[in-house]
């Protein structure tokens, strides 16, 4: 189970690693549950584009899968 600070810290770190501005995600919110048990998290950028990362990727430590999701903002 990840806390809000852990999820936000991980996303910001991965943003830096893919060459994006870590301050770019404006909003990160849990979907289908709270911070510790959400099935996914929705990340919204300043321009309104969104991406979703899944809890299974967080739990499995699948940072490559999360990076792929962060590159695919729509």
PDB file of N, CA and C in Angstrom:
ATOM      1  N   UNK A   1       0.840  -1.179   0.000  1.00  0.00           N
ATOM      2  CA  UNK A   1       0.000   0.000   0.000  1.00  0.00           C
ATOM      3  C   UNK A   1       0.886   1.245   0.000  1.00  0.00           C
ATOM      4  N   UNK A   2       0.562   2.157  -0.863  1.00  0.00           N
ATOM      5  CA  UNK A   2       1.329   3.387  -1.010  1.00  0.00           C
ATOM      6  C   UNK A   2       0.526   4.566  -0.466  1.00  0.00           C
ATOM      7  N   UNK A   3       1.219   5.457   0.192  1.00  0.00           N
ATOM      8  CA  UNK A   3       0.574   6.672   0.694  1.00  0.00           C
ATOM      9  C   UNK A   3       0.536   7.708  -0.426  1.00  0.00           C
ATOM     10  N   UNK A   4      -0.195   8.778  -0.193  1.00  0.00           N
ATOM     11  CA  UNK A   4      -0.276   9.862  -1.169  1.00  0.00           C
ATOM     12  C   UNK A   4       1.114  10.414  -1.458  1.00  0.00           C
ATOM     13  N   UNK A   5       1.912  10.639  -0.424  1.00  0.00           N
ATOM     14  CA  UNK A   5       3.260  11.189  -0.618  1.00  0.00           C
ATOM     15  C   UNK A   5       4.135  10.245  -1.433  1.00  0.00           C
ATOM     16  N   UNK A   6       4.017   8.947  -1.214  1.00  0.00           N
ATOM     17  CA  UNK A   6       4.808   7.979  -1.970  1.00  0.00           C
ATOM     18  C   UNK A   6       4.416   7.960  -3.445  1.00  0.00           C
ATOM     19  N   UNK A   7       3.121   7.972  -3.720  1.00  0.00           N
ATOM     20  CA  UNK A   7       2.644   7.955  -5.101  1.00  0.00           C
ATOM     21  C   UNK A   7       3.081   9.232  -5.816  1.00  0.00           C
ATOM     22  N   UNK A   8       2.867  10.382  -5.195  1.00  0.00           N
ATOM     23  CA  UNK A   8       3.239  11.652  -5.822  1.00  0.00           C
ATOM     24  C   UNK A   8       4.750  11.740  -6.029  1.00  0.00           C
ATOM     25  N   UNK A   9       5.531  11.310  -5.039  1.00  0.00           N
ATOM     26  CA  UNK A   9       6.989  11.333  -5.155  1.00  0.00           C
ATOM     27  C   UNK A   9       7.482  10.449  -6.286  1.00  0.00           C
ATOM     28  N   UNK A  10       6.899   9.258  -6.414  1.00  0.00           N
ATOM     29  CA  UNK A  10       7.278   8.340  -7.482  1.00  0.00           C
ATOM     30  C   UNK A  10       6.965   8.937  -8.854  1.00  0.00           C
ATOM     31  N   UNK A  11       5.784   9.502  -9.009  1.00  0.00           N
ATOM     32  CA  UNK A  11       5.388  10.079 -10.295  1.00  0.00           C
ATOM     33  C   UNK A  11       6.300  11.250 -10.654  1.00  0.00           C
ATOM     34  N   UNK A  12       6.625  12.094  -9.695  1.00  0.00           N
ATOM     35  CA  UNK A  12       7.512  13.225  -9.970  1.00  0.00           C
ATOM     36  C   UNK A  12       8.911  12.748 -10.362  1.00  0.00           C
ATOM     37  N   UNK A  13       9.407  11.719  -9.670  1.00  0.00           N
ATOM     38  CA  UNK A  13      10.729  11.176 -10.000  1.00  0.00           C
ATOM     39  C   UNK A  13      10.737  10.587 -11.411  1.00  0.00           C
ATOM     40  N   UNK A  14       9.705   9.837 -11.750  1.00  0.00           N
ATOM     41  CA  UNK A  14       9.634   9.234 -13.076  1.00  0.00           C
ATOM     42  C   UNK A  14       9.470  10.290 -14.164  1.00  0.00           C
ATOM     43  N   UNK A  15       8.766  11.375 -13.874  1.00  0.00           N
ATOM     44  CA  UNK A  15       8.673  12.493 -14.824  1.00  0.00           C
ATOM     45  C   UNK A  15      10.061  13.041 -15.122  1.00  0.00           C
ATOM     46  N   UNK A  16      10.872  13.210 -14.081  1.00  0.00           N
ATOM     47  CA  UNK A  16      12.244  13.708 -14.289  1.00  0.00           C
ATOM     48  C   UNK A  16      13.036  12.724 -15.153  1.00  0.00           C
ATOM     49  N   UNK A  17      12.891  11.433 -14.882  1.00  0.00           N
ATOM     50  CA  UNK A  17      13.649  10.416 -15.605  1.00  0.00           C
ATOM     51  C   UNK A  17      13.289  10.340 -17.084  1.00  0.00           C
ATOM     52  N   UNK A  18      12.055  10.676 -17.439  1.00  0.00           N
ATOM     53  CA  UNK A  18      11.682  10.646 -18.863  1.00  0.00           C
ATOM     54  C   UNK A  18      11.912  12.000 -19.529  1.00  0.00           C
ATOM     55  N   UNK A  19      12.502  12.940 -18.782  1.00  0.00           N
ATOM     56  CA  UNK A  19      12.854  14.224 -19.356  1.00  0.00           C
ATOM     57  C   UNK A  19      11.760  15.269 -19.318  1.00  0.00           C
ATOM     58  N   UNK A  20      10.749  15.041 -18.504  1.00  0.00           N
ATOM     59  CA  UNK A  20       9.664  16.016 -18.373  1.00  0.00           C
ATOM     60  C   UNK A  20       9.827  16.809 -17.087  1.00  0.00           C
ATOM     61  N   UNK A  21       9.135  17.912 -17.015  1.00  0.00           N
ATOM     62  CA  UNK A  21       9.161  18.764 -15.835  1.00  0.00           C
ATOM     63  C   UNK A  21       8.395  18.080 -14.698  1.00  0.00           C
ATOM     64  N   UNK A  22       9.056  17.783 -13.569  1.00  0.00           N
ATOM     65  CA  UNK A  22       8.359  17.109 -12.473  1.00  0.00           C
ATOM     66  C   UNK A  22       7.234  17.935 -11.854  1.00  0.00           C
ATOM     67  N   UNK A  23       7.220  19.240 -12.123  1.00  0.00           N
ATOM     68  CA  UNK A  23       6.137  20.092 -11.623  1.00  0.00           C
ATOM     69  C   UNK A  23       4.950  20.094 -12.577  1.00  0.00           C
ATOM     70  N   UNK A  24       5.070  19.432 -13.716  1.00  0.00           N
ATOM     71  CA  UNK A  24       4.022  19.459 -14.737  1.00  0.00           C
ATOM     72  C   UNK A  24       2.705  18.813 -14.289  1.00  0.00           C
ATOM     73  N   UNK A  25       2.723  17.667 -13.584  1.00  0.00           N
ATOM     74  CA  UNK A  25       1.425  17.123 -13.178  1.00  0.00           C
ATOM     75  C   UNK A  25       0.739  18.089 -12.221  1.00  0.00           C
ATOM     76  N   UNK A  26      -0.412  18.561 -12.601  1.00  0.00           N
ATOM     77  CA  UNK A  26      -1.135  19.517 -11.774  1.00  0.00           C
ATOM     78  C   UNK A  26      -1.945  18.782 -10.712  1.00  0.00           C
ATOM     79  N   UNK A  27      -2.499  17.660 -11.107  1.00  0.00           N
ATOM     80  CA  UNK A  27      -3.356  16.939 -10.185  1.00  0.00           C
ATOM     81  C   UNK A  27      -3.134  15.440 -10.339  1.00  0.00           C
ATOM     82  N   UNK A  28      -2.988  14.792  -9.215  1.00  0.00           N
ATOM     83  CA  UNK A  28      -2.921  13.337  -9.181  1.00  0.00           C
ATOM     84  C   UNK A  28      -4.032  12.909  -8.243  1.00  0.00           C
ATOM     85  N   UNK A  29      -4.945  12.079  -8.740  1.00  0.00           N
ATOM     86  CA  UNK A  29      -6.039  11.672  -7.868  1.00  0.00           C
ATOM     87  C   UNK A  29      -6.304  10.182  -8.010  1.00  0.00           C
ATOM     88  N   UNK A  30      -6.618   9.561  -6.890  1.00  0.00           N
ATOM     89  CA  UNK A  30      -6.923   8.134  -6.921  1.00  0.00           C
ATOM     90  C   UNK A  30      -8.277   7.883  -7.574  1.00  0.00           C
ATOM     91  N   UNK A  31      -8.377   6.775  -8.280  1.00  0.00           N
ATOM     92  CA  UNK A  31      -9.632   6.366  -8.913  1.00  0.00           C
ATOM     93  C   UNK A  31     -10.034   5.024  -8.305  1.00  0.00           C
ATOM     94  N   UNK A  32     -11.296   4.827  -8.111  1.00  0.00           N
ATOM     95  CA  UNK A  32     -11.815   3.551  -7.597  1.00  0.00           C
ATOM     96  C   UNK A  32     -11.241   3.201  -6.222  1.00  0.00           C
ATOM     97  N   UNK A  33     -11.147   4.185  -5.343  1.00  0.00           N
ATOM     98  CA  UNK A  33     -10.657   3.943  -3.987  1.00  0.00           C
ATOM     99  C   UNK A  33      -9.899   5.141  -3.469  1.00  0.00           C
ATOM    100  N   UNK A  34      -9.300   4.969  -2.296  1.00  0.00           N
ATOM    101  CA  UNK A  34      -8.507   6.029  -1.690  1.00  0.00           C
ATOM    102  C   UNK A  34      -7.042   5.881  -2.077  1.00  0.00           C
ATOM    103  N   UNK A  35      -6.176   6.710  -1.494  1.00  0.00           N
ATOM    104  CA  UNK A  35      -4.761   6.704  -1.843  1.00  0.00           C
ATOM    105  C   UNK A  35      -4.114   5.348  -1.608  1.00  0.00           C
ATOM    106  N   UNK A  36      -4.451   4.685  -0.523  1.00  0.00           N
ATOM    107  CA  UNK A  36      -3.794   3.421  -0.189  1.00  0.00           C
ATOM    108  C   UNK A  36      -4.341   2.225  -0.957  1.00  0.00           C
ATOM    109  N   UNK A  37      -5.547   2.326  -1.529  1.00  0.00           N
ATOM    110  CA  UNK A  37      -6.135   1.138  -2.153  1.00  0.00           C
ATOM    111  C   UNK A  37      -6.759   1.399  -3.529  1.00  0.00           C
ATOM    112  N   UNK A  38      -6.453   2.512  -4.157  1.00  0.00           N
ATOM    113  CA  UNK A  38      -7.030   2.824  -5.471  1.00  0.00           C
ATOM    114  C   UNK A  38      -6.591   1.794  -6.508  1.00  0.00           C
ATOM    115  N   UNK A  39      -7.456   1.525  -7.457  1.00  0.00           N
ATOM    116  CA  UNK A  39      -7.095   0.624  -8.549  1.00  0.00           C
ATOM    117  C   UNK A  39      -6.242   1.329  -9.595  1.00  0.00           C
ATOM    118  N   UNK A  40      -6.396   2.656  -9.688  1.00  0.00           N
ATOM    119  CA  UNK A  40      -5.593   3.440 -10.622  1.00  0.00           C
ATOM    120  C   UNK A  40      -5.522   4.879 -10.127  1.00  0.00           C
ATOM    121  N   UNK A  41      -4.629   5.638 -10.756  1.00  0.00           N
ATOM    122  CA  UNK A  41      -4.451   7.054 -10.429  1.00  0.00           C
ATOM    123  C   UNK A  41      -4.501   7.834 -11.730  1.00  0.00           C
ATOM    124  N   UNK A  42      -5.236   8.936 -11.712  1.00  0.00           N
ATOM    125  CA  UNK A  42      -5.347   9.799 -12.884  1.00  0.00           C
ATOM    126  C   UNK A  42      -4.464  11.020 -12.675  1.00  0.00           C
ATOM    127  N   UNK A  43      -3.606  11.281 -13.657  1.00  0.00           N
ATOM    128  CA  UNK A  43      -2.698  12.420 -13.596  1.00  0.00           C
ATOM    129  C   UNK A  43      -3.142  13.416 -14.662  1.00  0.00           C
ATOM    130  N   UNK A  44      -3.349  14.665 -14.248  1.00  0.00           N
ATOM    131  CA  UNK A  44      -3.787  15.713 -15.166  1.00  0.00           C
ATOM    132  C   UNK A  44      -2.697  16.768 -15.268  1.00  0.00           C
ATOM    133  N   UNK A  45      -2.358  17.168 -16.499  1.00  0.00           N
ATOM    134  CA  UNK A  45      -1.375  18.213 -16.734  1.00  0.00           C
ATOM    135  C   UNK A  45      -2.060  19.575 -16.812  1.00  0.00           C
ATOM    136  N   UNK A  46      -1.241  20.617 -16.846  1.00  0.00           N
ATOM    137  CA  UNK A  46      -1.757  21.983 -16.933  1.00  0.00           C
ATOM    138  C   UNK A  46      -2.617  22.210 -18.162  1.00  0.00           C
ATOM    139  N   UNK A  47      -2.293  21.530 -19.260  1.00  0.00           N
ATOM    140  CA  UNK A  47      -3.043  21.721 -20.500  1.00  0.00           C
ATOM    141  C   UNK A  47      -4.317  20.869 -20.560  1.00  0.00           C
ATOM    142  N   UNK A  48      -4.619  20.151 -19.471  1.00  0.00           N
ATOM    143  CA  UNK A  48      -5.837  19.353 -19.406  1.00  0.00           C
ATOM    144  C   UNK A  48      -5.679  17.920 -19.880  1.00  0.00           C
ATOM    145  N   UNK A  49      -4.518  17.574 -20.439  1.00  0.00           N
ATOM    146  CA  UNK A  49      -4.287  16.200 -20.877  1.00  0.00           C
ATOM    147  C   UNK A  49      -4.164  15.288 -19.663  1.00  0.00           C
ATOM    148  N   UNK A  50      -4.600  14.040 -19.864  1.00  0.00           N
ATOM    149  CA  UNK A  50      -4.634  13.094 -18.750  1.00  0.00           C
ATOM    150  C   UNK A  50      -3.950  11.785 -19.101  1.00  0.00           C
ATOM    151  N   UNK A  51      -3.442  11.156 -18.056  1.00  0.00           N
ATOM    152  CA  UNK A  51      -2.881   9.813 -18.173  1.00  0.00           C
ATOM    153  C   UNK A  51      -3.340   9.034 -16.949  1.00  0.00           C
ATOM    154  N   UNK A  52      -3.303   7.724 -17.063  1.00  0.00           N
ATOM    155  CA  UNK A  52      -3.705   6.875 -15.945  1.00  0.00           C
ATOM    156  C   UNK A  52      -2.629   5.832 -15.712  1.00  0.00           C
ATOM    157  N   UNK A  53      -2.262   5.675 -14.449  1.00  0.00           N
ATOM    158  CA  UNK A  53      -1.362   4.588 -14.078  1.00  0.00           C
ATOM    159  C   UNK A  53      -2.140   3.638 -13.174  1.00  0.00           C
ATOM    160  N   UNK A  54      -1.747   2.383 -13.223  1.00  0.00           N
ATOM    161  CA  UNK A  54      -2.501   1.363 -12.512  1.00  0.00           C
ATOM    162  C   UNK A  54      -1.773   0.880 -11.259  1.00  0.00           C
ATOM    163  N   UNK A  55      -2.557   0.569 -10.263  1.00  0.00           N
ATOM    164  CA  UNK A  55      -2.045   0.108  -8.975  1.00  0.00           C
ATOM    165  C   UNK A  55      -1.132  -1.101  -9.149  1.00  0.00           C
ATOM    166  N   UNK A  56      -1.493  -2.017 -10.053  1.00  0.00           N
ATOM    167  CA  UNK A  56      -0.667  -3.222 -10.234  1.00  0.00           C
ATOM    168  C   UNK A  56       0.750  -2.853 -10.654  1.00  0.00           C
ATOM    169  N   UNK A  57       0.911  -1.773 -11.442  1.00  0.00           N
ATOM    170  CA  UNK A  57       2.249  -1.338 -11.823  1.00  0.00           C
ATOM    171  C   UNK A  57       3.011  -0.798 -10.618  1.00  0.00           C
ATOM    172  N   UNK A  58       2.323  -0.082  -9.745  1.00  0.00           N
ATOM    173  CA  UNK A  58       2.954   0.403  -8.518  1.00  0.00           C
ATOM    174  C   UNK A  58       3.351  -0.773  -7.626  1.00  0.00           C
ATOM    175  N   UNK A  59       2.433  -1.688  -7.420  1.00  0.00           N
ATOM    176  CA  UNK A  59       2.687  -2.827  -6.535  1.00  0.00           C
ATOM    177  C   UNK A  59       3.789  -3.736  -7.058  1.00  0.00           C
ATOM    178  N   UNK A  60       3.856  -3.888  -8.379  1.00  0.00           N
ATOM    179  CA  UNK A  60       4.860  -4.758  -8.992  1.00  0.00           C
ATOM    180  C   UNK A  60       6.192  -4.056  -9.228  1.00  0.00           C
ATOM    181  N   UNK A  61       6.248  -2.746  -8.959  1.00  0.00           N
ATOM    182  CA  UNK A  61       7.469  -1.984  -9.212  1.00  0.00           C
ATOM    183  C   UNK A  61       7.763  -1.843 -10.697  1.00  0.00           C
ATOM    184  N   UNK A  62       6.719  -1.856 -11.521  1.00  0.00           N
ATOM    185  CA  UNK A  62       6.854  -1.760 -12.974  1.00  0.00           C
ATOM    186  C   UNK A  62       7.036  -0.299 -13.394  1.00  0.00           C
ATOM    187  N   UNK A  63       8.222   0.235 -13.141  1.00  0.00           N
ATOM    188  CA  UNK A  63       8.474   1.639 -13.464  1.00  0.00           C
ATOM    189  C   UNK A  63       8.454   1.888 -14.970  1.00  0.00           C
ATOM    190  N   UNK A  64       8.854   0.897 -15.777  1.00  0.00           N
ATOM    191  CA  UNK A  64       8.810   1.066 -17.231  1.00  0.00           C
ATOM    192  C   UNK A  64       7.370   1.233 -17.696  1.00  0.00           C
ATOM    193  N   UNK A  65       6.448   0.466 -17.139  1.00  0.00           N
ATOM    194  CA  UNK A  65       5.038   0.593 -17.502  1.00  0.00           C
ATOM    195  C   UNK A  65       4.473   1.942 -17.109  1.00  0.00           C
ATOM    196  N   UNK A  66       4.891   2.439 -15.960  1.00  0.00           N
ATOM    197  CA  UNK A  66       4.433   3.751 -15.496  1.00  0.00           C
ATOM    198  C   UNK A  66       5.001   4.844 -16.399  1.00  0.00           C
ATOM    199  N   UNK A  67       6.282   4.729 -16.759  1.00  0.00           N
ATOM    200  CA  UNK A  67       6.894   5.715 -17.660  1.00  0.00           C
ATOM    201  C   UNK A  67       6.169   5.736 -19.004  1.00  0.00           C
ATOM    202  N   UNK A  68       5.829   4.571 -19.505  1.00  0.00           N
ATOM    203  CA  UNK A  68       5.097   4.491 -20.776  1.00  0.00           C
ATOM    204  C   UNK A  68       3.772   5.226 -20.659  1.00  0.00           C
ATOM    205  N   UNK A  69       3.078   5.039 -19.555  1.00  0.00           N
ATOM    206  CA  UNK A  69       1.798   5.731 -19.342  1.00  0.00           C
ATOM    207  C   UNK A  69       2.003   7.235 -19.264  1.00  0.00           C
ATOM    208  N   UNK A  70       3.066   7.675 -18.599  1.00  0.00           N
ATOM    209  CA  UNK A  70       3.320   9.106 -18.450  1.00  0.00           C
ATOM    210  C   UNK A  70       3.712   9.763 -19.779  1.00  0.00           C
ATOM    211  N   UNK A  71       4.255   8.992 -20.687  1.00  0.00           N
ATOM    212  CA  UNK A  71       4.580   9.532 -22.020  1.00  0.00           C
ATOM    213  C   UNK A  71       3.356   9.632 -22.907  1.00  0.00           C
ATOM    214  N   UNK A  72       2.248   8.975 -22.529  1.00  0.00           N
ATOM    215  CA  UNK A  72       1.080   8.891 -23.387  1.00  0.00           C
ATOM    216  C   UNK A  72      -0.055   9.816 -23.015  1.00  0.00           C
ATOM    217  N   UNK A  73       0.226  11.008 -22.530  1.00  0.00           N
ATOM    218  CA  UNK A  73      -0.836  11.936 -22.175  1.00  0.00           C
ATOM    219  C   UNK A  73      -1.703  12.234 -23.373  1.00  0.00           C
ATOM    220  N   UNK A  74      -3.041  12.222 -23.174  1.00  0.00           N
ATOM    221  CA  UNK A  74      -3.997  12.491 -24.243  1.00  0.00           C
ATOM    222  C   UNK A  74      -4.909  13.625 -23.850  1.00  0.00           C
TER     223      UNK A  74
END
